[in-house]
Amino acid sequence: YSKLTAIKIGAQPTLLWENNDYLSDIPSPAANASYLFLPTSYGMMICYDAVTGQKYWEHDFGKSIFASPMIVGNRVYVSDITGVMHIFAADKEFKLVGESRLGENIAATPAFTNGRIYLRGEENLYCIGE
């Protein structure tokens, strides 16, 4: 069985917390110093306190998620399989910032570099930026 486990690394690693309520089977979680965002392939996104493991919120996007979320600044970007990019605040309360439809299915994790977003759709590769 798998578990979501937070470990403080160092000379003597310390187990901070464990949880097995929600587990990700395809997408990977994303974390910063404050929050851990765990997506599930059936469309749920769960936000935990990265240090204590306290669950802050869960949100059902209603569509499967195969792409891993990306944290950029104070926002989290995640695409569902229908090609909708969901953008929400990296915060202890769920706050949807926006949604954008690509027009084709997406299963790949987006890449961010030099002010651009690269998205691999089912048929095409997109670069969005200035």
C-alpha atoms as a PDB file:
ATOM      1  CA  TYR A   1       0.000   0.000   0.000  1.00  0.00           C
ATOM      2  CA  SER A   2       1.135   3.526  -0.657  1.00  0.00           C
ATOM      3  CA  LYS A   3       1.005   6.566   1.590  1.00  0.00           C
ATOM      4  CA  LEU A   4       1.458  10.280   1.212  1.00  0.00           C
ATOM      5  CA  THR A   5       4.477  10.971   3.423  1.00  0.00           C
ATOM      6  CA  ALA A   6       6.209  14.223   4.360  1.00  0.00           C
ATOM      7  CA  ILE A   7       9.819  13.922   5.497  1.00  0.00           C
ATOM      8  CA  LYS A   8      12.035  16.732   6.765  1.00  0.00           C
ATOM      9  CA  ILE A   9      15.388  16.040   5.159  1.00  0.00           C
ATOM     10  CA  GLY A  10      18.708  16.612   6.862  1.00  0.00           C
ATOM     11  CA  ALA A  11      21.441  14.736   8.727  1.00  0.00           C
ATOM     12  CA  GLN A  12      18.691  12.888  10.620  1.00  0.00           C
ATOM     13  CA  PRO A  13      15.553  12.834   8.435  1.00  0.00           C
ATOM     14  CA  THR A  14      12.321  13.224  10.401  1.00  0.00           C
ATOM     15  CA  LEU A  15       8.882  11.906   9.490  1.00  0.00           C
ATOM     16  CA  LEU A  16       6.574  14.936   9.662  1.00  0.00           C
ATOM     17  CA  TRP A  17       3.273  13.283   8.739  1.00  0.00           C
ATOM     18  CA  GLU A  18       1.571  10.543   6.736  1.00  0.00           C
ATOM     19  CA  ASN A  19      -1.827  10.287   5.114  1.00  0.00           C
ATOM     20  CA  ASN A  20      -3.612   7.728   2.986  1.00  0.00           C
ATOM     21  CA  ASP A  21      -7.036   9.373   2.560  1.00  0.00           C
ATOM     22  CA  TYR A  22      -6.333  10.453  -1.025  1.00  0.00           C
ATOM     23  CA  LEU A  23      -3.595   8.993  -3.156  1.00  0.00           C
ATOM     24  CA  SER A  24      -2.444  10.019  -6.582  1.00  0.00           C
ATOM     25  CA  ASP A  25      -2.161   7.198  -9.090  1.00  0.00           C
ATOM     26  CA  ILE A  26      -1.191   9.072 -12.279  1.00  0.00           C
ATOM     27  CA  PRO A  27      -0.414  12.758 -11.572  1.00  0.00           C
ATOM     28  CA  SER A  28       2.260  13.727  -9.047  1.00  0.00           C
ATOM     29  CA  PRO A  29       1.665  16.117  -6.150  1.00  0.00           C
ATOM     30  CA  ALA A  30       3.256  19.575  -6.130  1.00  0.00           C
ATOM     31  CA  ALA A  31       4.492  21.397  -3.040  1.00  0.00           C
ATOM     32  CA  ASN A  32       6.094  24.600  -1.884  1.00  0.00           C
ATOM     33  CA  ALA A  33       7.216  25.565   1.636  1.00  0.00           C
ATOM     34  CA  SER A  34       3.611  26.089   2.779  1.00  0.00           C
ATOM     35  CA  TYR A  35       1.264  23.823   0.809  1.00  0.00           C
ATOM     36  CA  LEU A  36       1.066  20.426  -0.842  1.00  0.00           C
ATOM     37  CA  PHE A  37      -1.423  20.026  -3.696  1.00  0.00           C
ATOM     38  CA  LEU A  38      -2.447  16.455  -4.442  1.00  0.00           C
ATOM     39  CA  PRO A  39      -4.429  15.717  -7.620  1.00  0.00           C
ATOM     40  CA  THR A  40      -6.239  12.451  -8.283  1.00  0.00           C
ATOM     41  CA  SER A  41      -6.944  10.881 -11.646  1.00  0.00           C
ATOM     42  CA  TYR A  42     -10.682  11.098 -10.915  1.00  0.00           C
ATOM     43  CA  GLY A  43     -10.598  14.911 -10.711  1.00  0.00           C
ATOM     44  CA  MET A  44     -10.133  15.799  -7.057  1.00  0.00           C
ATOM     45  CA  MET A  45      -7.538  18.306  -5.861  1.00  0.00           C
ATOM     46  CA  ILE A  46      -6.630  18.319  -2.170  1.00  0.00           C
ATOM     47  CA  CYS A  47      -4.593  20.993  -0.391  1.00  0.00           C
ATOM     48  CA  TYR A  48      -2.585  20.122   2.727  1.00  0.00           C
ATOM     49  CA  ASP A  49      -0.361  22.118   5.017  1.00  0.00           C
ATOM     50  CA  ALA A  50       3.078  20.961   3.839  1.00  0.00           C
ATOM     51  CA  VAL A  51       4.530  20.879   7.366  1.00  0.00           C
ATOM     52  CA  THR A  52       1.669  19.575   9.545  1.00  0.00           C
ATOM     53  CA  GLY A  53      -0.421  17.580   7.058  1.00  0.00           C
ATOM     54  CA  GLN A  54      -3.621  19.397   8.005  1.00  0.00           C
ATOM     55  CA  LYS A  55      -6.095  19.193   5.130  1.00  0.00           C
ATOM     56  CA  TYR A  56      -7.246  22.697   4.194  1.00  0.00           C
ATOM     57  CA  TRP A  57      -9.610  21.917   1.331  1.00  0.00           C
ATOM     58  CA  GLU A  58     -10.638  19.561  -1.420  1.00  0.00           C
ATOM     59  CA  HIS A  59     -12.155  20.505  -4.766  1.00  0.00           C
ATOM     60  CA  ASP A  60     -13.741  18.298  -7.421  1.00  0.00           C
ATOM     61  CA  PHE A  61     -12.982  19.565 -10.932  1.00  0.00           C
ATOM     62  CA  GLY A  62     -15.420  17.009 -12.356  1.00  0.00           C
ATOM     63  CA  LYS A  63     -13.019  15.667 -15.007  1.00  0.00           C
ATOM     64  CA  SER A  64     -10.069  13.306 -14.781  1.00  0.00           C
ATOM     65  CA  ILE A  65      -6.631  14.806 -14.168  1.00  0.00           C
ATOM     66  CA  PHE A  66      -3.592  13.005 -15.583  1.00  0.00           C
ATOM     67  CA  ALA A  67      -1.237  16.024 -15.728  1.00  0.00           C
ATOM     68  CA  SER A  68       0.663  17.021 -12.599  1.00  0.00           C
ATOM     69  CA  PRO A  69      -0.023  20.481 -11.171  1.00  0.00           C
ATOM     70  CA  MET A  70       2.620  23.203 -11.398  1.00  0.00           C
ATOM     71  CA  ILE A  71       3.083  25.958  -8.818  1.00  0.00           C
ATOM     72  CA  VAL A  72       4.186  29.227 -10.409  1.00  0.00           C
ATOM     73  CA  GLY A  73       4.434  32.166  -8.034  1.00  0.00           C
ATOM     74  CA  ASN A  74       1.293  32.140  -5.911  1.00  0.00           C
ATOM     75  CA  ARG A  75      -0.806  30.188  -8.416  1.00  0.00           C
ATOM     76  CA  VAL A  76      -1.334  26.527  -9.222  1.00  0.00           C
ATOM     77  CA  TYR A  77      -1.934  25.405 -12.803  1.00  0.00           C
ATOM     78  CA  VAL A  78      -3.457  22.021 -13.625  1.00  0.00           C
ATOM     79  CA  SER A  79      -5.067  20.682 -16.793  1.00  0.00           C
ATOM     80  CA  ASP A  80      -7.878  18.178 -16.885  1.00  0.00           C
ATOM     81  CA  ILE A  81      -8.061  15.595 -19.686  1.00  0.00           C
ATOM     82  CA  THR A  82     -10.579  17.643 -21.688  1.00  0.00           C
ATOM     83  CA  GLY A  83      -7.993  20.411 -22.132  1.00  0.00           C
ATOM     84  CA  VAL A  84      -9.212  22.880 -19.526  1.00  0.00           C
ATOM     85  CA  MET A  85      -6.414  24.617 -17.626  1.00  0.00           C
ATOM     86  CA  HIS A  86      -7.594  25.377 -14.089  1.00  0.00           C
ATOM     87  CA  ILE A  87      -5.707  28.151 -12.312  1.00  0.00           C
ATOM     88  CA  PHE A  88      -6.195  28.642  -8.592  1.00  0.00           C
ATOM     89  CA  ALA A  89      -4.471  30.411  -5.733  1.00  0.00           C
ATOM     90  CA  ALA A  90      -1.744  28.562  -3.840  1.00  0.00           C
ATOM     91  CA  ASP A  91      -3.541  29.228  -0.568  1.00  0.00           C
ATOM     92  CA  LYS A  92      -5.267  27.513   2.357  1.00  0.00           C
ATOM     93  CA  GLU A  93      -8.666  28.427   0.852  1.00  0.00           C
ATOM     94  CA  PHE A  94      -9.678  27.324  -2.646  1.00  0.00           C
ATOM     95  CA  LYS A  95      -9.896  30.394  -4.885  1.00  0.00           C
ATOM     96  CA  LEU A  96     -10.332  29.785  -8.602  1.00  0.00           C
ATOM     97  CA  VAL A  97      -8.424  32.463 -10.536  1.00  0.00           C
ATOM     98  CA  GLY A  98      -9.420  31.356 -14.023  1.00  0.00           C
ATOM     99  CA  GLU A  99     -10.003  28.583 -16.517  1.00  0.00           C
ATOM    100  CA  SER A 100      -8.915  28.362 -20.126  1.00  0.00           C
ATOM    101  CA  ARG A 101      -9.973  25.813 -22.743  1.00  0.00           C
ATOM    102  CA  LEU A 102      -7.296  24.589 -25.136  1.00  0.00           C
ATOM    103  CA  GLY A 103      -9.653  22.879 -27.572  1.00  0.00           C
ATOM    104  CA  GLU A 104      -8.131  19.409 -27.395  1.00  0.00           C
ATOM    105  CA  ASN A 105      -7.449  16.781 -24.766  1.00  0.00           C
ATOM    106  CA  ILE A 106      -4.393  17.067 -22.499  1.00  0.00           C
ATOM    107  CA  ALA A 107      -2.695  14.371 -20.447  1.00  0.00           C
ATOM    108  CA  ALA A 108       0.796  15.924 -20.190  1.00  0.00           C
ATOM    109  CA  THR A 109       2.091  18.261 -17.488  1.00  0.00           C
ATOM    110  CA  PRO A 110       2.631  21.841 -18.695  1.00  0.00           C
ATOM    111  CA  ALA A 111       6.133  23.334 -18.726  1.00  0.00           C
ATOM    112  CA  PHE A 112       6.849  26.926 -17.694  1.00  0.00           C
ATOM    113  CA  THR A 113       9.947  28.851 -18.757  1.00  0.00           C
ATOM    114  CA  ASN A 114      10.902  32.431 -19.652  1.00  0.00           C
ATOM    115  CA  GLY A 115       7.329  33.729 -19.287  1.00  0.00           C
ATOM    116  CA  ARG A 116       5.887  31.031 -21.526  1.00  0.00           C
ATOM    117  CA  ILE A 117       3.716  27.972 -21.004  1.00  0.00           C
ATOM    118  CA  TYR A 118       4.264  24.897 -23.172  1.00  0.00           C
ATOM    119  CA  LEU A 119       1.329  22.517 -23.480  1.00  0.00           C
ATOM    120  CA  ARG A 120       1.285  19.179 -25.282  1.00  0.00           C
ATOM    121  CA  GLY A 121      -2.202  18.387 -26.434  1.00  0.00           C
ATOM    122  CA  GLU A 122      -3.418  15.191 -28.006  1.00  0.00           C
ATOM    123  CA  GLU A 123      -2.570  16.508 -31.495  1.00  0.00           C
ATOM    124  CA  ASN A 124      -0.475  19.672 -31.095  1.00  0.00           C
ATOM    125  CA  LEU A 125       2.246  21.378 -29.080  1.00  0.00           C
ATOM    126  CA  TYR A 126       1.374  24.909 -27.925  1.00  0.00           C
ATOM    127  CA  CYS A 127       3.486  27.796 -26.676  1.00  0.00           C
ATOM    128  CA  ILE A 128       1.563  30.530 -24.874  1.00  0.00           C
ATOM    129  CA  GLY A 129       3.306  33.738 -23.878  1.00  0.00           C
ATOM    130  CA  GLU A 130       4.609  37.068 -25.008  1.00  0.00           C
END
